[in-house]
């Protein structure tokens, strides 16, 4: 029946009345929760209790963390007798409640900061092309996240680690000029490197003023290895990556993506996970050329907060599509219900996680970066 009116109000059918009440309630809920999502696709988890292990395979970390945290109010939630600690205060919003657009955490003497923005528009792409000095006809990747970055700073020693698309694109541009087959080394739409291969591993910056202060303090003239990657025989300890505990900070950031003119895909992304006693960064480049080959380059940065150095390990995996298909069939036989045509479809076995699992490393190099003079 109709909802009875009062004081001159309109008489409405009950279903309409309750529909309006639901709409108002939904609007009130979304008005507060929605604003936190407008500046980026997701917020990193600043401090969560984790049941899964921190893995060296599928990214910067392992199993999915429990997310029973009231993020907006900063309240921890008890679960299974354990207390899940909410993230510490971070400058997500200013005093007016407006998002500052980056995620930040201070932990064990380091400052972790990341930023996510939409795909670069035409004006940003034009500025990128000018900064890179790209030749006419040489395109940027389809999707470049020009303003996305990950940054780690240790103020006490003046060390900064930076991961962003511009440096990686500069490496690609330099590499393709070096490998150009033209006599004068020029590039155009016919001879550029359309797979966007690069040598980028991340950038290490040193604050020269802080370094001079450290040299005076230790009465040294120079520190030739400070903040510089040097080849090493050390390896990232797998057992440390399997430790469970709080995730104090996590972020996954896309830097670029391209479909290679509908002939495959090329992606560059970076992830970071900060635990109580360590952090791990994964910079991953993945290229798949349909019908031909796959290439996976993983650069991991590992630091135990009790050490005076960072380990940087780069692993290269390459295979033809036929080699990968045979490895996939031998490792995980296809079901009899899967048609032969579908079984040979690259989408079944040519993803980056499967390349990591099925292809042995072709090359592994480790470098050590000193954090003390």
Protein backbone atom coordinates (compact mmCIF):
# COMPACT_ATOMS: atom_id res chain seq x y z
CA UNK A 1 0.00 0.00 0.00
CA UNK A 2 0.95 3.68 -0.08
CA UNK A 3 3.01 5.20 2.71
CA UNK A 4 0.66 7.49 4.67
CA UNK A 5 1.44 11.17 4.34
CA UNK A 6 1.66 13.74 7.09
CA UNK A 7 1.65 17.52 7.24
CA UNK A 8 0.95 17.91 3.56
CA UNK A 9 3.63 15.47 2.33
CA UNK A 10 3.12 13.58 -0.94
CA UNK A 11 1.71 10.06 -0.78
CA UNK A 12 4.20 7.64 -2.38
CA UNK A 13 4.04 3.90 -3.01
CA UNK A 14 6.02 1.97 -0.38
CA UNK A 15 8.53 0.58 -2.88
CA UNK A 16 9.29 4.09 -4.18
CA UNK A 17 9.67 5.43 -0.64
CA UNK A 18 12.17 2.73 0.36
CA UNK A 19 14.03 3.08 -2.94
CA UNK A 20 14.53 6.81 -2.23
CA UNK A 21 15.71 6.10 1.32
CA UNK A 22 18.22 3.58 -0.01
CA UNK A 23 19.51 6.04 -2.59
CA UNK A 24 20.05 8.73 0.06
CA UNK A 25 21.85 6.26 2.35
CA UNK A 26 24.09 5.08 -0.48
CA UNK A 27 24.94 8.68 -1.41
CA UNK A 28 25.92 9.48 2.19
CA UNK A 29 28.17 6.40 2.38
CA UNK A 30 29.88 7.06 -0.93
CA UNK A 31 30.41 10.77 -0.27
CA UNK A 32 32.93 9.96 2.45
CA UNK A 33 34.46 6.76 1.12
CA UNK A 34 34.59 7.77 -2.53
CA UNK A 35 36.76 10.86 -2.13
CA UNK A 36 39.66 8.73 -0.96
CA UNK A 37 39.70 6.91 -4.31
CA UNK A 38 39.54 9.89 -6.66
CA UNK A 39 43.25 10.66 -6.85
CA UNK A 40 44.40 7.10 -7.51
CA UNK A 41 43.20 3.60 -8.23
CA UNK A 42 44.06 2.29 -4.79
CA UNK A 43 45.74 3.13 -1.52
CA UNK A 44 48.74 1.20 -0.41
CA UNK A 45 48.35 -0.73 2.79
CA UNK A 46 50.52 0.95 5.36
CA UNK A 47 50.50 -1.60 8.15
CA UNK A 48 48.74 -4.95 8.05
CA UNK A 49 49.11 -8.33 9.71
CA UNK A 50 50.09 -10.88 7.04
CA UNK A 51 49.50 -14.62 7.12
CA UNK A 52 51.18 -15.34 3.77
CA UNK A 53 54.93 -15.37 3.25
CA UNK A 54 56.86 -12.71 1.43
CA UNK A 55 57.64 -14.30 -1.91
CA UNK A 56 60.45 -13.71 -4.36
CA UNK A 57 58.38 -15.05 -7.26
CA UNK A 58 55.06 -13.39 -7.91
CA UNK A 59 56.13 -9.84 -7.14
CA UNK A 60 57.38 -7.84 -4.23
CA UNK A 61 55.57 -10.03 -1.75
CA UNK A 62 53.62 -13.20 -1.13
CA UNK A 63 50.07 -14.00 -0.08
CA UNK A 64 47.27 -11.47 0.01
CA UNK A 65 47.32 -9.57 3.33
CA UNK A 66 44.31 -9.43 5.59
CA UNK A 67 42.62 -6.11 5.05
CA UNK A 68 40.41 -5.95 8.15
CA UNK A 69 41.41 -2.40 8.95
CA UNK A 70 39.18 0.61 9.32
CA UNK A 71 41.43 2.72 7.11
CA UNK A 72 39.60 6.04 7.34
CA UNK A 73 39.47 6.08 11.14
CA UNK A 74 42.89 4.44 11.64
CA UNK A 75 41.53 1.73 13.94
CA UNK A 76 43.01 -1.76 14.24
CA UNK A 77 40.79 -4.82 14.22
CA UNK A 78 41.28 -7.94 16.34
CA UNK A 79 41.23 -11.15 14.32
CA UNK A 80 41.98 -14.73 15.42
CA UNK A 81 43.51 -13.46 18.64
CA UNK A 82 45.96 -11.19 16.80
CA UNK A 83 45.79 -7.42 16.50
CA UNK A 84 45.94 -5.95 13.04
CA UNK A 85 47.58 -2.56 13.33
CA UNK A 86 46.28 0.27 11.20
CA UNK A 87 48.68 2.33 9.15
CA UNK A 88 50.48 5.23 10.82
CA UNK A 89 49.43 8.78 9.92
CA UNK A 90 50.33 9.62 6.31
CA UNK A 91 49.76 12.81 4.30
CA UNK A 92 46.97 11.44 2.15
CA UNK A 93 44.86 14.56 2.79
CA UNK A 94 45.48 18.13 3.82
CA UNK A 95 43.72 20.07 6.56
CA UNK A 96 40.72 20.56 4.27
CA UNK A 97 40.35 16.86 3.54
CA UNK A 98 41.71 17.19 -0.02
CA UNK A 99 43.97 14.38 -1.23
CA UNK A 100 47.63 15.32 -1.63
CA UNK A 101 47.95 12.57 -4.18
CA UNK A 102 50.84 10.53 -2.81
CA UNK A 103 51.36 7.78 -0.25
CA UNK A 104 54.08 8.08 2.35
CA UNK A 105 55.54 6.23 5.31
CA UNK A 106 58.58 6.80 7.56
CA UNK A 107 60.04 3.56 8.86
CA UNK A 108 63.46 2.57 10.26
CA UNK A 109 65.17 5.72 9.05
CA UNK A 110 63.72 5.56 5.54
CA UNK A 111 60.96 7.57 3.88
CA UNK A 112 58.84 5.62 1.38
CA UNK A 113 56.74 7.59 -1.07
CA UNK A 114 54.78 6.65 -4.19
CA UNK A 115 52.40 8.45 -6.52
CA UNK A 116 49.86 7.24 -9.08
CA UNK A 117 48.25 9.38 -11.75
CA UNK A 118 46.21 8.76 -14.92
CA UNK A 119 47.77 7.99 -18.30
CA UNK A 120 49.67 10.92 -19.83
CA UNK A 121 47.57 13.07 -22.15
CA UNK A 122 48.66 14.65 -25.42
CA UNK A 123 50.31 17.66 -23.75
CA UNK A 124 52.28 15.50 -21.32
CA UNK A 125 53.34 13.19 -24.15
CA UNK A 126 54.53 16.17 -26.19
CA UNK A 127 56.61 17.35 -23.22
CA UNK A 128 58.03 13.83 -22.80
CA UNK A 129 58.97 13.65 -26.47
CA UNK A 130 60.73 17.01 -26.23
CA UNK A 131 62.64 16.00 -23.10
CA UNK A 132 63.69 12.69 -24.67
CA UNK A 133 64.43 14.39 -28.01
CA UNK A 134 62.59 11.66 -29.93
CA UNK A 135 62.78 11.74 -33.71
CA UNK A 136 59.66 12.42 -35.72
CA UNK A 137 57.63 9.25 -36.21
CA UNK A 138 59.08 7.38 -33.21
CA UNK A 139 56.14 6.77 -30.85
CA UNK A 140 56.01 6.52 -27.09
CA UNK A 141 54.33 3.46 -25.54
CA UNK A 142 50.53 3.44 -25.84
CA UNK A 143 50.07 4.15 -22.14
CA UNK A 144 52.72 6.12 -20.28
CA UNK A 145 52.09 7.01 -16.64
CA UNK A 146 54.35 10.04 -16.74
CA UNK A 147 53.66 11.20 -13.17
CA UNK A 148 53.83 7.80 -11.50
CA UNK A 149 56.88 7.06 -9.37
CA UNK A 150 58.29 5.24 -6.37
CA UNK A 151 60.87 6.94 -4.18
CA UNK A 152 62.83 5.84 -1.12
CA UNK A 153 64.99 8.28 0.84
CA UNK A 154 67.41 7.73 3.73
CA UNK A 155 67.97 11.34 4.94
CA UNK A 156 70.74 10.50 7.41
CA UNK A 157 73.12 9.50 4.59
CA UNK A 158 71.58 11.43 1.69
CA UNK A 159 70.67 8.36 -0.41
CA UNK A 160 67.61 8.39 -2.68
CA UNK A 161 66.25 5.52 -4.80
CA UNK A 162 63.93 6.59 -7.62
CA UNK A 163 61.82 4.57 -10.05
CA UNK A 164 59.91 6.34 -12.82
CA UNK A 165 59.01 6.03 -16.52
CA UNK A 166 61.12 8.94 -17.80
CA UNK A 167 64.48 7.39 -16.85
CA UNK A 168 63.40 4.05 -18.36
CA UNK A 169 62.31 5.73 -21.61
CA UNK A 170 65.62 7.60 -21.74
CA UNK A 171 67.43 4.25 -21.43
CA UNK A 172 65.29 2.80 -24.26
CA UNK A 173 65.97 5.79 -26.49
CA UNK A 174 69.72 5.66 -25.86
CA UNK A 175 69.82 1.91 -26.48
CA UNK A 176 67.90 2.06 -29.74
CA UNK A 177 70.23 4.75 -31.08
CA UNK A 178 73.25 2.61 -30.22
CA UNK A 179 71.72 -0.38 -32.02
CA UNK A 180 70.39 1.55 -35.01
CA UNK A 181 71.31 0.00 -38.36
CA UNK A 182 71.18 3.29 -40.25
CA UNK A 183 74.48 4.87 -41.28
CA UNK A 184 73.88 8.12 -39.44
CA UNK A 185 72.19 6.50 -36.42
CA UNK A 186 68.87 8.27 -36.99
CA UNK A 187 65.54 6.65 -36.21
CA UNK A 188 62.09 6.87 -37.75
CA UNK A 189 58.81 4.94 -37.82
CA UNK A 190 60.45 2.12 -39.80
CA UNK A 191 63.49 1.26 -37.67
CA UNK A 192 62.81 2.18 -34.04
CA UNK A 193 62.77 -0.43 -31.24
CA UNK A 194 59.06 -1.12 -30.97
CA UNK A 195 59.53 -3.62 -28.08
CA UNK A 196 60.81 -0.79 -25.82
CA UNK A 197 63.79 -2.79 -24.54
CA UNK A 198 65.93 -0.91 -22.01
CA UNK A 199 68.71 -1.30 -19.45
CA UNK A 200 66.96 0.64 -16.66
CA UNK A 201 67.27 -0.79 -13.13
CA UNK A 202 66.24 2.23 -11.08
CA UNK A 203 68.27 5.29 -10.11
CA UNK A 204 70.46 6.00 -7.07
CA UNK A 205 71.00 9.67 -6.18
CA UNK A 206 73.43 10.99 -3.55
CA UNK A 207 72.98 14.31 -1.78
CA UNK A 208 76.43 15.84 -2.21
CA UNK A 209 76.01 18.19 0.78
CA UNK A 210 75.21 15.27 3.11
CA UNK A 211 78.10 13.28 1.65
CA UNK A 212 80.56 16.14 2.31
CA UNK A 213 79.32 16.33 5.88
CA UNK A 214 79.83 12.58 6.34
CA UNK A 215 83.34 12.78 4.92
CA UNK A 216 84.24 15.57 7.34
CA UNK A 217 82.73 13.64 10.23
CA UNK A 218 84.77 10.52 9.42
CA UNK A 219 87.85 12.53 8.36
CA UNK A 220 87.89 11.04 4.86
CA UNK A 221 88.85 12.56 1.53
CA UNK A 222 86.54 10.46 -0.62
CA UNK A 223 84.14 7.49 -0.55
CA UNK A 224 84.43 5.86 -3.99
CA UNK A 225 81.88 3.09 -3.40
CA UNK A 226 79.28 5.07 -1.45
CA UNK A 227 75.90 4.96 -3.21
CA UNK A 228 77.36 3.26 -6.30
CA UNK A 229 76.36 -0.22 -7.54
CA UNK A 230 79.34 -2.59 -7.49
CA UNK A 231 79.29 -6.19 -8.75
CA UNK A 232 79.05 -8.75 -5.98
CA UNK A 233 78.83 -12.51 -5.46
CA UNK A 234 76.19 -12.09 -2.74
CA UNK A 235 72.61 -13.16 -3.38
CA UNK A 236 69.28 -12.03 -1.97
CA UNK A 237 68.46 -14.51 0.85
CA UNK A 238 65.31 -16.42 -0.12
CA UNK A 239 64.60 -17.43 3.48
CA UNK A 240 64.28 -13.77 4.50
CA UNK A 241 61.68 -13.23 1.80
CA UNK A 242 59.51 -15.99 3.22
CA UNK A 243 59.25 -14.39 6.65
CA UNK A 244 55.76 -13.49 7.84
CA UNK A 245 54.86 -10.34 9.73
CA UNK A 246 53.45 -6.88 9.36
CA UNK A 247 53.40 -5.20 5.98
CA UNK A 248 54.06 -1.60 6.93
CA UNK A 249 53.83 -0.31 3.38
CA UNK A 250 52.86 -1.73 -0.02
CA UNK A 251 52.40 -0.17 -3.43
CA UNK A 252 52.18 -1.46 -7.01
CA UNK A 253 52.76 1.18 -9.69
CA UNK A 254 52.41 0.93 -13.47
CA UNK A 255 55.00 2.93 -15.43
CA UNK A 256 54.07 2.08 -19.01
CA UNK A 257 52.21 -0.43 -21.19
CA UNK A 258 52.04 -1.03 -24.95
CA UNK A 259 50.29 -3.59 -27.17
CA UNK A 260 53.07 -3.51 -29.79
CA UNK A 261 50.64 -2.69 -32.57
CA UNK A 262 48.42 -5.68 -31.67
CA UNK A 263 51.45 -7.96 -31.93
CA UNK A 264 51.94 -8.64 -28.21
CA UNK A 265 52.55 -6.55 -25.13
CA UNK A 266 55.29 -4.66 -23.30
CA UNK A 267 54.90 -3.53 -19.69
CA UNK A 268 57.01 -1.88 -17.02
CA UNK A 269 55.88 -1.77 -13.39
CA UNK A 270 57.39 -1.45 -9.92
CA UNK A 271 56.24 -2.86 -6.58
CA UNK A 272 57.47 -2.26 -3.05
CA UNK A 273 56.80 -4.07 0.22
CA UNK A 274 58.13 -2.88 3.57
CA UNK A 275 58.30 -5.32 6.47
CA UNK A 276 59.45 -4.77 10.04
CA UNK A 277 63.13 -5.51 9.34
CA UNK A 278 63.48 -5.21 5.54
CA UNK A 279 62.15 -3.85 2.29
CA UNK A 280 61.94 -5.45 -1.14
CA UNK A 281 61.40 -3.68 -4.47
CA UNK A 282 60.59 -5.43 -7.74
CA UNK A 283 61.05 -3.57 -11.04
CA UNK A 284 59.63 -5.85 -13.74
CA UNK A 285 59.84 -5.55 -17.53
CA UNK A 286 57.78 -8.02 -19.56
CA UNK A 287 57.70 -8.29 -23.37
CA UNK A 288 55.71 -10.80 -25.40
CA UNK A 289 55.89 -10.79 -29.20
CA UNK A 290 53.00 -12.91 -30.49
CA UNK A 291 54.14 -16.08 -32.22
CA UNK A 292 57.80 -15.39 -31.50
CA UNK A 293 59.22 -14.91 -28.01
CA UNK A 294 58.88 -13.69 -24.43
CA UNK A 295 61.32 -11.77 -22.25
CA UNK A 296 61.08 -11.14 -18.51
CA UNK A 297 63.60 -8.93 -16.70
CA UNK A 298 63.26 -8.69 -12.91
CA UNK A 299 65.37 -6.28 -10.88
CA UNK A 300 64.98 -6.75 -7.13
CA UNK A 301 66.29 -4.35 -4.50
CA UNK A 302 66.65 -5.89 -1.04
CA UNK A 303 67.67 -4.20 2.18
CA UNK A 304 67.82 -5.52 5.72
CA UNK A 305 67.58 -2.45 7.95
CA UNK A 306 70.41 -3.81 10.12
CA UNK A 307 72.80 -3.90 7.13
CA UNK A 308 74.87 -1.03 5.76
CA UNK A 309 74.20 -1.95 2.13
CA UNK A 310 71.49 -2.72 -0.42
CA UNK A 311 71.53 -5.73 -2.73
CA UNK A 312 70.34 -5.27 -6.33
CA UNK A 313 69.76 -8.46 -8.28
CA UNK A 314 68.77 -8.57 -11.97
CA UNK A 315 67.49 -11.75 -13.59
CA UNK A 316 66.80 -12.17 -17.32
CA UNK A 317 64.51 -14.90 -18.68
CA UNK A 318 63.99 -15.43 -22.42
CA UNK A 319 62.31 -18.13 -24.51
CA UNK A 320 60.59 -18.67 -27.81
CA UNK A 321 56.83 -19.24 -27.70
CA UNK A 322 57.32 -22.84 -28.79
CA UNK A 323 59.83 -23.48 -25.98
CA UNK A 324 57.44 -21.94 -23.49
CA UNK A 325 54.49 -23.96 -24.79
CA UNK A 326 56.39 -27.26 -24.42
CA UNK A 327 57.52 -26.28 -20.92
CA UNK A 328 53.93 -25.47 -19.99
CA UNK A 329 52.63 -28.80 -21.29
CA UNK A 330 55.31 -30.73 -19.43
CA UNK A 331 54.92 -28.80 -16.20
CA UNK A 332 51.13 -28.65 -16.13
CA UNK A 333 49.44 -30.91 -18.73
CA UNK A 334 46.35 -29.44 -20.34
CA UNK A 335 43.00 -30.97 -19.50
CA UNK A 336 41.53 -33.38 -22.04
CA UNK A 337 38.53 -31.07 -22.20
CA UNK A 338 40.66 -28.29 -23.67
CA UNK A 339 40.63 -28.26 -27.44
CA UNK A 340 43.97 -28.52 -29.28
CA UNK A 341 43.55 -25.03 -30.72
CA UNK A 342 42.93 -23.56 -27.26
CA UNK A 343 45.85 -25.50 -25.79
CA UNK A 344 48.18 -23.76 -28.23
CA UNK A 345 46.71 -20.34 -27.50
CA UNK A 346 49.47 -18.12 -26.11
CA UNK A 347 47.08 -16.67 -23.54
CA UNK A 348 47.21 -19.99 -21.67
CA UNK A 349 50.97 -20.06 -21.12
CA UNK A 350 52.61 -16.74 -22.06
CA UNK A 351 51.83 -14.60 -19.03
CA UNK A 352 54.60 -13.08 -16.94
CA UNK A 353 53.90 -15.28 -13.90
CA UNK A 354 54.16 -18.41 -16.06
CA UNK A 355 57.35 -17.19 -17.71
CA UNK A 356 58.85 -16.71 -14.25
CA UNK A 357 57.77 -20.19 -13.21
CA UNK A 358 58.67 -22.11 -16.38
CA UNK A 359 61.77 -20.43 -17.83
CA UNK A 360 65.16 -20.77 -16.18
CA UNK A 361 67.17 -17.55 -15.78
CA UNK A 362 69.45 -16.88 -18.72
CA UNK A 363 71.51 -14.35 -16.78
CA UNK A 364 71.66 -13.18 -13.16
CA UNK A 365 73.81 -10.35 -11.84
CA UNK A 366 74.03 -8.97 -8.33
CA UNK A 367 75.33 -5.59 -7.23
CA UNK A 368 75.90 -4.13 -3.78
CA UNK A 369 75.28 -0.48 -2.91
CA UNK A 370 77.07 0.84 0.19
CA UNK A 371 75.10 3.08 2.55
CA UNK A 372 78.10 4.11 4.66
CA UNK A 373 81.28 5.98 3.79
